[in-house]
């Protein structure tokens, strides 16, 4: 606006000025309202962010607690733990659903296109059924002759349920015209005397129960749907008879495990039905694993189980009577008698130590527990680099690199214990490590020894999974049968064999196999293709 545009009259000039001031005040008021609205929205956003952070933190705490409870589940079954897990899973699901609703649906416009999911290839070894969908001989539009241009092929993976078959063995009889002798082929060998179950069926029952954790009553229901009624008691008799049949092989496997320089030992509870009481008592399955592969060893890995009606120390003492070397184990006092003989040396498990500090970290985010985890993690990082090397290389690398870290960790734990209560969770974790320090550092000076007992813990994992499904063993004999079959299935898996195919081959041959050559049926010696019945 130029000065010539202003009115010359004073009153008109005042009116113009007042109008402009009113406009400025109105604009200022509008700006103040907008600023207030923005501040209010900023406050709401900060509040929402705090709520989201609080919900995320709560979700992480609940997930950590859920993982801890699931680890506890591998021990004794508890209805309270199961209920708590169910509540946590429900709460986590609600929080995640709430988060999904808060995020809202994906925008339809301008959104990046999702890549189609990558499908796993269908294995080439599966049989193919070819179904050709051919065209008519002539063009449907004009009736002209059709020339072949190529074809499109779509493969669909389908499932044909397992089927039963009956093998009818016919043995004709003949009589000699001269001497009147009766000539007939010998009766076919049966895996179980006076039983109609073939090797494949017995292998299926054992694999389903001990590898796939399918209890016998569920198997009976599945077979009934296939039109073959098999009672649970019949299946149980077959399991017991099969275990007796396989016992010489299981004993040979146990001798093989005990012949190694190191053994990993652990145990897990198994409920056993108490006869006449309608209740269960707690038996134990003891796992003994031999695995020299981490130290560059060529012997095949194996695991052997043994059953006992309780957890008294006399049982591992009996099991390990023929073993001399290093035993990887937890702090179970029942092993102490073996250590005192000087024939067996203790190697404690760093995974147990780490787990105690990890539980503390998950519970209250203790920085001291986190530092202990990090220090132990540095020891495991060294192990990852030297896995598969010879014992001499491992010993040399451990002494040079892990030795100083172990000394620093010991001094740190000693100093930390002076500043925390020995009765606190952190103090108990420190005390656990300090009390077993000699056994914990044994691996440093012996290249064939492992840093932890995970080989045995992995072996008993299948027992923990199966225990949740079949609830209990029917008797001590049932526990011994389970130990025998778990041994063969676990060892077959360690050697890359299909448990069903392995058990099928063994059950089909063991009756006619020389007892003094039973080692030929161990997983690393057997030829699964030779002499297969089908």
Protein backbone atom coordinates (compact mmCIF):
# COMPACT_ATOMS: atom_id res chain seq x y z
CA UNK A 1 0.00 0.00 0.00
CA UNK A 2 1.36 3.46 -0.96
CA UNK A 3 0.93 6.67 1.06
CA UNK A 4 -1.31 8.03 -1.68
CA UNK A 5 -3.76 5.21 -0.93
CA UNK A 6 -4.27 6.38 2.68
CA UNK A 7 -7.21 8.67 3.38
CA UNK A 8 -6.45 12.30 4.24
CA UNK A 9 -9.25 12.51 6.77
CA UNK A 10 -8.06 11.79 10.33
CA UNK A 11 -11.21 9.96 11.36
CA UNK A 12 -11.11 7.77 8.26
CA UNK A 13 -7.44 7.08 8.94
CA UNK A 14 -8.25 6.01 12.52
CA UNK A 15 -11.02 3.75 11.26
CA UNK A 16 -8.62 2.16 8.75
CA UNK A 17 -6.03 1.65 11.47
CA UNK A 18 -8.54 0.07 13.86
CA UNK A 19 -9.72 -2.30 11.11
CA UNK A 20 -6.18 -3.35 10.42
CA UNK A 21 -5.52 -3.88 14.13
CA UNK A 22 -8.65 -6.01 14.38
CA UNK A 23 -7.47 -8.13 11.46
CA UNK A 24 -4.06 -8.58 13.09
CA UNK A 25 -5.65 -9.54 16.42
CA UNK A 26 -7.94 -12.02 14.65
CA UNK A 27 -4.98 -13.59 12.85
CA UNK A 28 -3.02 -13.72 16.10
CA UNK A 29 -5.96 -15.37 17.86
CA UNK A 30 -6.22 -17.94 15.05
CA UNK A 31 -2.50 -18.67 15.30
CA UNK A 32 -2.76 -19.08 19.07
CA UNK A 33 -5.64 -21.53 18.64
CA UNK A 34 -3.68 -23.52 16.04
CA UNK A 35 -0.64 -23.52 18.30
CA UNK A 36 -2.77 -24.73 21.21
CA UNK A 37 -4.25 -27.46 19.02
CA UNK A 38 -0.77 -28.54 17.92
CA UNK A 39 0.45 -28.62 21.51
CA UNK A 40 -2.56 -30.71 22.50
CA UNK A 41 -1.92 -33.13 19.64
CA UNK A 42 1.77 -33.26 20.56
CA UNK A 43 0.78 -34.14 24.12
CA UNK A 44 -1.56 -36.85 22.85
CA UNK A 45 1.17 -38.26 20.60
CA UNK A 46 3.65 -38.35 23.48
CA UNK A 47 1.04 -40.08 25.64
CA UNK A 48 0.33 -42.63 22.91
CA UNK A 49 4.06 -43.24 22.43
CA UNK A 50 4.45 -43.81 26.17
CA UNK A 51 1.51 -46.24 26.12
CA UNK A 52 3.02 -48.08 23.14
CA UNK A 53 6.44 -48.28 24.84
CA UNK A 54 4.82 -49.51 28.05
CA UNK A 55 2.82 -52.11 26.12
CA UNK A 56 5.91 -53.24 24.18
CA UNK A 57 7.89 -53.54 27.41
CA UNK A 58 5.05 -55.49 29.01
CA UNK A 59 4.86 -57.74 25.95
CA UNK A 60 8.60 -58.44 26.06
CA UNK A 61 8.46 -59.22 29.78
CA UNK A 62 5.56 -61.60 29.24
CA UNK A 63 7.32 -63.32 26.34
CA UNK A 64 10.47 -63.74 28.46
CA UNK A 65 8.39 -65.17 31.30
CA UNK A 66 6.64 -67.49 28.84
CA UNK A 67 9.96 -68.79 27.51
CA UNK A 68 11.19 -69.40 31.05
CA UNK A 69 8.03 -71.33 31.92
CA UNK A 70 8.35 -73.39 28.75
CA UNK A 71 11.89 -74.31 29.74
CA UNK A 72 10.60 -75.35 33.15
CA UNK A 73 7.98 -77.50 31.41
CA UNK A 74 10.73 -79.85 30.21
CA UNK A 75 11.04 -80.88 33.85
CA UNK A 76 8.25 -82.17 36.01
CA UNK A 77 4.77 -81.63 34.60
CA UNK A 78 2.72 -79.04 36.47
CA UNK A 79 -0.90 -78.06 35.90
CA UNK A 80 -0.19 -74.65 37.43
CA UNK A 81 2.61 -74.02 34.95
CA UNK A 82 0.40 -75.14 32.08
CA UNK A 83 -2.36 -72.80 33.23
CA UNK A 84 0.07 -69.92 33.63
CA UNK A 85 1.44 -70.52 30.15
CA UNK A 86 -2.08 -70.55 28.71
CA UNK A 87 -2.86 -67.24 30.44
CA UNK A 88 0.36 -65.67 29.15
CA UNK A 89 -0.29 -66.87 25.60
CA UNK A 90 -3.81 -65.43 25.75
CA UNK A 91 -2.54 -62.09 27.07
CA UNK A 92 0.23 -61.92 24.48
CA UNK A 93 -2.27 -62.69 21.73
CA UNK A 94 -4.53 -59.89 22.97
CA UNK A 95 -1.66 -57.40 23.04
CA UNK A 96 -0.50 -58.36 19.56
CA UNK A 97 -4.06 -58.11 18.23
CA UNK A 98 -4.40 -54.69 19.85
CA UNK A 99 -1.16 -53.64 18.21
CA UNK A 100 -2.41 -54.85 14.83
CA UNK A 101 -5.63 -52.86 15.22
CA UNK A 102 -3.62 -49.77 16.19
CA UNK A 103 -1.47 -50.05 13.11
CA UNK A 104 -4.58 -50.47 10.94
CA UNK A 105 -4.97 -52.14 7.55
CA UNK A 106 -2.34 -51.72 4.89
CA UNK A 107 -2.96 -48.78 2.56
CA UNK A 108 -4.42 -49.88 -0.74
CA UNK A 109 -3.00 -47.06 -2.84
CA UNK A 110 0.67 -46.41 -3.18
CA UNK A 111 1.58 -49.41 -1.04
CA UNK A 112 4.50 -51.56 -2.08
CA UNK A 113 3.44 -54.83 -3.64
CA UNK A 114 4.05 -57.88 -1.52
CA UNK A 115 6.36 -60.47 -2.95
CA UNK A 116 4.72 -63.85 -3.39
CA UNK A 117 5.87 -66.35 -0.77
CA UNK A 118 8.79 -68.55 -1.80
CA UNK A 119 7.58 -72.15 -1.97
CA UNK A 120 9.80 -75.07 -1.09
CA UNK A 121 10.55 -77.26 -4.11
CA UNK A 122 8.79 -80.60 -4.30
CA UNK A 123 11.40 -83.38 -3.82
CA UNK A 124 12.39 -85.18 -7.02
CA UNK A 125 12.29 -88.65 -5.43
CA UNK A 126 8.51 -88.59 -4.92
CA UNK A 127 6.46 -90.62 -7.40
CA UNK A 128 4.59 -88.59 -10.01
CA UNK A 129 1.08 -89.26 -11.29
CA UNK A 130 0.69 -87.60 -14.70
CA UNK A 131 -2.75 -86.24 -15.53
CA UNK A 132 -2.99 -84.78 -19.04
CA UNK A 133 -5.73 -82.24 -19.80
CA UNK A 134 -5.74 -82.35 -23.61
CA UNK A 135 -7.63 -80.13 -26.01
CA UNK A 136 -10.14 -81.22 -28.63
CA UNK A 137 -8.78 -82.32 -31.99
CA UNK A 138 -10.00 -79.22 -33.79
CA UNK A 139 -10.06 -75.50 -33.02
CA UNK A 140 -13.20 -74.65 -31.05
CA UNK A 141 -13.48 -71.31 -32.92
CA UNK A 142 -13.09 -72.25 -36.57
CA UNK A 143 -12.68 -76.03 -36.63
CA UNK A 144 -9.12 -75.81 -38.02
CA UNK A 145 -6.31 -78.28 -37.36
CA UNK A 146 -4.30 -77.66 -34.14
CA UNK A 147 -0.48 -77.62 -34.14
CA UNK A 148 1.39 -78.52 -30.89
CA UNK A 149 3.18 -75.47 -29.41
CA UNK A 150 4.26 -76.78 -26.00
CA UNK A 151 2.73 -77.39 -22.64
CA UNK A 152 2.39 -75.89 -19.17
CA UNK A 153 3.06 -78.14 -16.19
CA UNK A 154 1.70 -77.53 -12.69
CA UNK A 155 2.77 -79.81 -9.84
CA UNK A 156 0.50 -80.20 -6.82
CA UNK A 157 1.81 -81.97 -3.72
CA UNK A 158 -0.85 -84.34 -2.39
CA UNK A 159 -1.00 -86.92 0.39
CA UNK A 160 -2.05 -90.57 0.24
CA UNK A 161 -2.72 -91.94 3.75
CA UNK A 162 -0.55 -94.79 4.98
CA UNK A 163 -2.01 -98.12 4.07
CA UNK A 164 -1.92 -101.61 5.50
CA UNK A 165 -1.01 -104.65 3.47
CA UNK A 166 -1.21 -108.36 4.15
CA UNK A 167 1.71 -110.56 3.13
CA UNK A 168 0.39 -114.09 2.55
CA UNK A 169 3.21 -116.62 2.78
CA UNK A 170 2.21 -119.81 0.97
CA UNK A 171 4.31 -122.98 1.55
CA UNK A 172 3.25 -125.83 -0.73
CA UNK A 173 3.73 -129.38 0.60
CA UNK A 174 5.07 -132.19 -1.55
CA UNK A 175 5.45 -135.90 -0.91
CA UNK A 176 8.19 -137.98 -2.35
CA UNK A 177 6.84 -140.88 -4.43
CA UNK A 178 9.85 -142.96 -3.52
CA UNK A 179 10.31 -142.59 0.25
CA UNK A 180 7.02 -140.85 1.07
CA UNK A 181 8.87 -137.95 2.79
CA UNK A 182 7.05 -134.65 3.14
CA UNK A 183 8.97 -131.73 1.64
CA UNK A 184 8.06 -128.13 2.48
CA UNK A 185 9.88 -124.80 2.73
CA UNK A 186 10.69 -123.73 6.31
CA UNK A 187 8.24 -121.44 8.07
CA UNK A 188 8.92 -117.76 7.60
CA UNK A 189 10.69 -116.06 10.48
CA UNK A 190 8.47 -113.72 12.49
CA UNK A 191 9.81 -110.74 14.44
CA UNK A 192 7.53 -111.58 17.37
CA UNK A 193 6.61 -115.20 17.96
CA UNK A 194 2.97 -116.10 17.32
CA UNK A 195 2.25 -112.53 16.26
CA UNK A 196 0.79 -111.39 12.96
CA UNK A 197 2.66 -108.05 13.10
CA UNK A 198 5.28 -107.60 10.41
CA UNK A 199 8.54 -105.68 10.73
CA UNK A 200 7.10 -102.61 9.02
CA UNK A 201 4.09 -102.44 11.34
CA UNK A 202 6.22 -102.88 14.47
CA UNK A 203 8.62 -100.20 13.24
CA UNK A 204 5.69 -97.87 12.60
CA UNK A 205 4.25 -98.33 16.10
CA UNK A 206 7.65 -97.72 17.74
CA UNK A 207 8.48 -94.71 15.56
CA UNK A 208 5.07 -93.12 16.07
CA UNK A 209 5.29 -93.53 19.85
CA UNK A 210 8.94 -92.64 20.54
CA UNK A 211 9.92 -90.41 17.61
CA UNK A 212 6.61 -88.69 16.80
CA UNK A 213 5.33 -88.74 20.42
CA UNK A 214 2.02 -90.37 19.48
CA UNK A 215 0.59 -92.42 22.36
CA UNK A 216 -0.78 -95.88 21.67
CA UNK A 217 -4.45 -95.00 22.21
CA UNK A 218 -4.18 -92.34 19.50
CA UNK A 219 -2.48 -94.79 17.18
CA UNK A 220 -5.28 -97.27 17.80
CA UNK A 221 -7.79 -94.61 16.73
CA UNK A 222 -5.85 -93.84 13.55
CA UNK A 223 -5.59 -97.51 12.59
CA UNK A 224 -9.30 -98.01 13.27
CA UNK A 225 -10.09 -95.24 10.75
CA UNK A 226 -8.08 -97.25 8.23
CA UNK A 227 -10.38 -100.20 8.91
CA UNK A 228 -7.85 -102.17 11.00
CA UNK A 229 -8.93 -102.43 14.65
CA UNK A 230 -5.89 -102.84 16.90
CA UNK A 231 -6.45 -102.51 20.64
CA UNK A 232 -4.14 -100.48 22.82
CA UNK A 233 -3.22 -103.60 24.81
CA UNK A 234 -2.17 -105.37 21.60
CA UNK A 235 0.00 -102.43 20.60
CA UNK A 236 1.52 -102.33 24.11
CA UNK A 237 2.37 -106.04 23.86
CA UNK A 238 4.06 -105.41 20.52
CA UNK A 239 6.11 -102.54 21.98
CA UNK A 240 7.33 -104.72 24.85
CA UNK A 241 8.10 -107.68 22.58
CA UNK A 242 9.94 -105.44 20.11
CA UNK A 243 12.06 -103.97 22.93
CA UNK A 244 13.00 -107.48 24.06
CA UNK A 245 13.86 -108.35 20.47
CA UNK A 246 16.11 -105.29 20.16
CA UNK A 247 17.76 -105.64 23.57
CA UNK A 248 21.00 -107.29 22.33
CA UNK A 249 21.45 -104.41 19.89
CA UNK A 250 20.72 -101.85 22.61
CA UNK A 251 23.30 -103.47 24.88
CA UNK A 252 25.87 -103.35 22.08
CA UNK A 253 25.08 -99.67 21.60
CA UNK A 254 25.54 -99.00 25.32
CA UNK A 255 28.95 -100.72 25.29
CA UNK A 256 29.96 -98.55 22.34
CA UNK A 257 29.00 -95.36 24.18
CA UNK A 258 30.95 -96.39 27.27
CA UNK A 259 34.06 -97.16 25.21
CA UNK A 260 34.63 -93.49 24.37
CA UNK A 261 37.03 -91.15 26.21
CA UNK A 262 34.19 -88.79 27.16
CA UNK A 263 30.51 -89.26 27.95
CA UNK A 264 27.71 -86.74 28.38
CA UNK A 265 25.27 -87.77 31.11
CA UNK A 266 21.90 -86.38 32.15
CA UNK A 267 18.56 -87.63 33.42
CA UNK A 268 14.91 -86.69 33.19
CA UNK A 269 11.83 -87.73 35.19
CA UNK A 270 9.31 -90.20 33.77
CA UNK A 271 6.00 -90.85 35.56
CA UNK A 272 5.46 -94.58 36.09
CA UNK A 273 2.10 -96.13 36.96
CA UNK A 274 2.10 -97.65 40.44
CA UNK A 275 0.24 -101.00 40.24
CA UNK A 276 -3.00 -101.17 42.21
CA UNK A 277 -2.83 -97.57 43.42
CA UNK A 278 -4.15 -95.67 40.41
CA UNK A 279 -1.35 -93.13 40.88
CA UNK A 280 2.07 -92.57 39.39
CA UNK A 281 5.51 -92.45 40.90
CA UNK A 282 8.59 -90.84 39.40
CA UNK A 283 11.10 -92.97 37.57
CA UNK A 284 14.13 -91.67 35.69
CA UNK A 285 15.53 -92.05 32.20
CA UNK A 286 19.31 -91.60 32.12
CA UNK A 287 20.86 -90.47 28.84
CA UNK A 288 24.53 -91.16 28.05
CA UNK A 289 25.80 -89.61 24.82
CA UNK A 290 29.04 -90.06 22.94
CA UNK A 291 29.91 -87.42 20.36
CA UNK A 292 33.54 -86.79 19.42
CA UNK A 293 32.80 -84.76 16.28
CA UNK A 294 33.38 -81.33 17.89
CA UNK A 295 36.95 -82.46 18.68
CA UNK A 296 37.58 -83.72 15.15
CA UNK A 297 36.84 -87.34 16.08
CA UNK A 298 35.69 -89.85 13.48
CA UNK A 299 33.72 -92.33 15.69
CA UNK A 300 30.00 -92.16 15.02
CA UNK A 301 27.83 -90.28 17.53
CA UNK A 302 25.49 -92.32 19.71
CA UNK A 303 23.18 -92.05 22.70
CA UNK A 304 22.13 -94.81 25.08
CA UNK A 305 19.32 -94.60 27.64
CA UNK A 306 18.84 -96.52 30.85
CA UNK A 307 15.77 -96.60 33.12
CA UNK A 308 15.67 -96.61 36.91
CA UNK A 309 12.69 -96.53 39.32
CA UNK A 310 14.19 -93.59 41.27
CA UNK A 311 17.10 -91.12 41.22
CA UNK A 312 19.43 -92.75 43.71
CA UNK A 313 23.14 -92.46 42.99
CA UNK A 314 23.54 -96.24 42.81
CA UNK A 315 21.98 -96.25 39.35
CA UNK A 316 24.54 -94.06 37.51
CA UNK A 317 27.23 -95.83 39.52
CA UNK A 318 26.05 -99.12 38.03
CA UNK A 319 25.60 -97.65 34.55
CA UNK A 320 29.11 -96.19 34.46
CA UNK A 321 30.88 -99.12 36.10
CA UNK A 322 32.73 -99.90 32.86
CA UNK A 323 33.56 -96.31 31.90
CA UNK A 324 36.86 -94.53 32.42
CA UNK A 325 37.33 -90.95 31.25
CA UNK A 326 35.57 -87.61 31.54
CA UNK A 327 31.89 -87.32 32.41
CA UNK A 328 30.03 -84.17 31.36
CA UNK A 329 27.22 -83.70 33.86
CA UNK A 330 25.33 -81.26 36.06
CA UNK A 331 25.87 -80.93 39.79
CA UNK A 332 23.94 -84.10 40.73
CA UNK A 333 25.44 -85.42 43.96
CA UNK A 334 24.84 -89.01 42.88
CA UNK A 335 27.86 -88.77 40.56
CA UNK A 336 30.24 -87.88 43.41
CA UNK A 337 30.96 -91.52 44.24
CA UNK A 338 32.24 -91.99 40.69
CA UNK A 339 34.45 -88.91 40.87
CA UNK A 340 36.02 -90.08 44.12
CA UNK A 341 37.27 -93.26 42.44
CA UNK A 342 39.64 -91.20 40.26
CA UNK A 343 38.58 -93.30 37.29
CA UNK A 344 36.06 -90.70 36.12
CA UNK A 345 36.74 -86.96 35.97
CA UNK A 346 34.00 -84.33 36.19
CA UNK A 347 33.43 -81.74 33.48
CA UNK A 348 30.78 -79.24 34.54
CA UNK A 349 28.43 -77.45 32.16
CA UNK A 350 28.81 -73.76 31.32
CA UNK A 351 25.34 -73.77 29.77
CA UNK A 352 23.89 -74.44 33.24
CA UNK A 353 25.84 -71.50 34.66
CA UNK A 354 24.75 -69.19 31.86
CA UNK A 355 21.12 -70.27 32.23
CA UNK A 356 21.06 -69.15 35.88
CA UNK A 357 22.30 -65.67 35.01
CA UNK A 358 20.00 -65.54 31.99
CA UNK A 359 16.93 -66.22 34.16
CA UNK A 360 17.96 -63.33 36.44
CA UNK A 361 18.43 -61.03 33.44
CA UNK A 362 15.03 -61.96 32.06
CA UNK A 363 13.38 -61.35 35.43
CA UNK A 364 14.79 -57.93 36.41
CA UNK A 365 17.23 -56.79 33.68
CA UNK A 366 20.14 -56.96 36.12
CA UNK A 367 23.24 -55.37 34.50
CA UNK A 368 25.49 -57.65 36.57
CA UNK A 369 23.70 -60.73 35.23
CA UNK A 370 24.03 -59.30 31.71
CA UNK A 371 27.77 -58.84 32.18
CA UNK A 372 28.09 -62.47 33.33
CA UNK A 373 26.19 -63.59 30.22
CA UNK A 374 28.48 -61.53 27.99
CA UNK A 375 31.61 -62.91 29.64
CA UNK A 376 30.39 -66.49 29.18
CA UNK A 377 29.40 -65.63 25.61
CA UNK A 378 33.03 -64.71 24.88
CA UNK A 379 34.05 -68.24 25.91
CA UNK A 380 31.47 -69.73 23.55
CA UNK A 381 32.68 -67.52 20.70
CA UNK A 382 36.09 -69.17 20.98
CA UNK A 383 34.47 -72.61 20.93
CA UNK A 384 32.61 -71.76 17.73
CA UNK A 385 35.89 -70.95 15.99
CA UNK A 386 37.70 -74.15 17.02
CA UNK A 387 34.81 -76.61 16.66
CA UNK A 388 35.94 -79.63 14.63
CA UNK A 389 39.65 -79.05 15.27
CA UNK A 390 41.87 -81.71 16.84
CA UNK A 391 42.08 -82.00 20.64
CA UNK A 392 45.63 -80.62 20.60
CA UNK A 393 44.63 -77.51 18.63
CA UNK A 394 41.61 -76.98 20.88
CA UNK A 395 43.71 -77.31 24.04
CA UNK A 396 46.29 -74.84 22.76
CA UNK A 397 43.71 -72.27 21.65
CA UNK A 398 41.73 -72.58 24.85
CA UNK A 399 44.74 -72.11 27.09
CA UNK A 400 45.92 -69.08 25.11
CA UNK A 401 42.56 -67.35 24.58
CA UNK A 402 40.00 -68.74 27.04
CA UNK A 403 42.45 -69.09 29.95
CA UNK A 404 42.82 -65.32 30.61
CA UNK A 405 39.06 -64.82 30.21
CA UNK A 406 38.36 -67.56 32.76
CA UNK A 407 40.79 -66.01 35.25
CA UNK A 408 39.17 -62.61 34.83
CA UNK A 409 35.70 -64.11 35.20
CA UNK A 410 36.72 -65.90 38.41
CA UNK A 411 38.14 -62.69 39.93
CA UNK A 412 35.05 -60.75 38.88
CA UNK A 413 32.70 -63.32 40.45
CA UNK A 414 34.73 -63.35 43.68
CA UNK A 415 34.65 -59.56 43.91
CA UNK A 416 30.96 -59.39 43.01
CA UNK A 417 30.03 -61.88 45.72
CA UNK A 418 31.39 -59.45 48.35
CA UNK A 419 28.82 -56.87 47.23
CA UNK A 420 25.68 -59.00 46.95
CA UNK A 421 23.84 -61.25 49.34
CA UNK A 422 24.81 -64.90 49.01
CA UNK A 423 21.12 -65.77 49.46
CA UNK A 424 19.97 -63.58 46.57
CA UNK A 425 19.32 -65.11 43.16
CA UNK A 426 22.48 -63.47 41.85
CA UNK A 427 24.47 -64.70 44.85
CA UNK A 428 23.19 -68.24 44.34
CA UNK A 429 24.18 -68.14 40.66
CA UNK A 430 27.66 -66.95 41.59
CA UNK A 431 27.94 -69.61 44.27
CA UNK A 432 26.91 -72.32 41.80
CA UNK A 433 29.75 -71.32 39.46
CA UNK A 434 32.39 -70.92 42.20
CA UNK A 435 31.56 -74.28 43.79
CA UNK A 436 32.10 -76.07 40.48
CA UNK A 437 34.98 -73.97 39.20
CA UNK A 438 37.51 -76.81 38.96
CA UNK A 439 35.10 -78.90 36.89
CA UNK A 440 34.04 -75.87 34.84
CA UNK A 441 37.59 -75.06 33.70
CA UNK A 442 38.56 -78.68 32.99
CA UNK A 443 37.72 -78.21 29.30
CA UNK A 444 40.44 -75.54 29.03
CA UNK A 445 43.24 -78.08 29.46
CA UNK A 446 41.69 -81.06 27.68
CA UNK A 447 40.88 -80.67 24.01
CA UNK A 448 38.57 -83.69 23.89
CA UNK A 449 36.32 -82.22 26.60
CA UNK A 450 33.37 -79.97 25.73
CA UNK A 451 32.44 -76.63 27.29
CA UNK A 452 28.94 -77.85 28.15
CA UNK A 453 26.66 -80.86 28.44
CA UNK A 454 24.33 -79.91 25.61
CA UNK A 455 24.82 -83.24 23.82
CA UNK A 456 22.98 -85.03 26.63
CA UNK A 457 20.38 -82.29 27.01
CA UNK A 458 19.54 -82.53 23.31
CA UNK A 459 19.15 -86.29 23.68
CA UNK A 460 16.57 -86.04 26.47
CA UNK A 461 14.54 -83.36 24.70
CA UNK A 462 12.58 -85.97 22.76
CA UNK A 463 11.75 -87.72 26.04
CA UNK A 464 10.37 -84.48 27.48
CA UNK A 465 8.21 -83.95 24.39
CA UNK A 466 6.90 -87.51 24.43
CA UNK A 467 6.22 -87.42 28.16
CA UNK A 468 3.70 -84.61 27.66
CA UNK A 469 1.70 -86.81 25.28
CA UNK A 470 1.74 -90.31 26.67
CA UNK A 471 1.60 -89.12 30.32
CA UNK A 472 3.24 -92.14 31.99
CA UNK A 473 4.92 -95.50 31.54
CA UNK A 474 2.74 -98.45 32.45
CA UNK A 475 5.42 -100.16 34.57
CA UNK A 476 9.15 -100.39 35.17
CA UNK A 477 9.28 -102.84 32.27
CA UNK A 478 7.63 -100.16 30.13
CA UNK A 479 10.30 -97.70 31.22
CA UNK A 480 13.03 -100.15 30.20
CA UNK A 481 11.34 -100.67 26.83
CA UNK A 482 11.22 -96.91 26.33
CA UNK A 483 14.92 -96.61 27.17
CA UNK A 484 15.79 -99.29 24.62
CA UNK A 485 13.81 -97.77 21.77
CA UNK A 486 14.84 -94.19 22.58
CA UNK A 487 18.46 -95.34 22.35
CA UNK A 488 18.09 -96.75 18.84
CA UNK A 489 15.93 -93.92 17.52
CA UNK A 490 18.15 -91.22 19.02
CA UNK A 491 21.30 -92.81 17.60
CA UNK A 492 19.69 -93.28 14.18
CA UNK A 493 18.86 -89.56 14.09
CA UNK A 494 22.39 -88.59 15.15
CA UNK A 495 23.69 -90.58 12.18
CA UNK A 496 21.24 -89.11 9.68
CA UNK A 497 19.00 -92.17 9.33
CA UNK A 498 15.23 -92.24 9.11
CA UNK A 499 14.16 -93.91 12.40
CA UNK A 500 11.36 -95.88 10.72
CA UNK A 501 13.58 -97.24 7.96
CA UNK A 502 16.28 -98.14 10.45
CA UNK A 503 13.94 -99.94 12.86
CA UNK A 504 12.22 -101.67 9.94
CA UNK A 505 15.53 -103.06 8.68
CA UNK A 506 16.71 -104.12 12.14
CA UNK A 507 13.45 -105.80 13.20
CA UNK A 508 13.30 -107.59 9.84
CA UNK A 509 16.78 -109.10 10.28
CA UNK A 510 17.70 -109.37 13.94
CA UNK A 511 15.94 -112.68 14.62
CA UNK A 512 18.08 -114.46 12.03
CA UNK A 513 21.24 -112.45 12.73
CA UNK A 514 24.15 -114.00 14.71
CA UNK A 515 24.21 -112.63 18.25
CA UNK A 516 28.01 -112.33 18.20
CA UNK A 517 27.77 -110.08 15.13
CA UNK A 518 24.98 -107.80 16.37
CA UNK A 519 27.31 -104.79 15.99
CA UNK A 520 26.72 -105.07 12.24
CA UNK A 521 23.18 -103.76 12.84
CA UNK A 522 24.29 -100.52 14.51
CA UNK A 523 23.27 -97.43 12.52
CA UNK A 524 26.75 -96.71 11.12
CA UNK A 525 27.27 -100.32 9.99
CA UNK A 526 23.91 -101.38 8.58
CA UNK A 527 22.99 -101.37 4.90
CA UNK A 528 19.33 -100.39 4.87
CA UNK A 529 18.81 -101.52 1.28
CA UNK A 530 20.16 -105.05 1.75
CA UNK A 531 17.57 -107.74 2.37
CA UNK A 532 14.66 -105.32 2.76
CA UNK A 533 11.40 -107.22 2.86
CA UNK A 534 9.63 -104.70 0.68
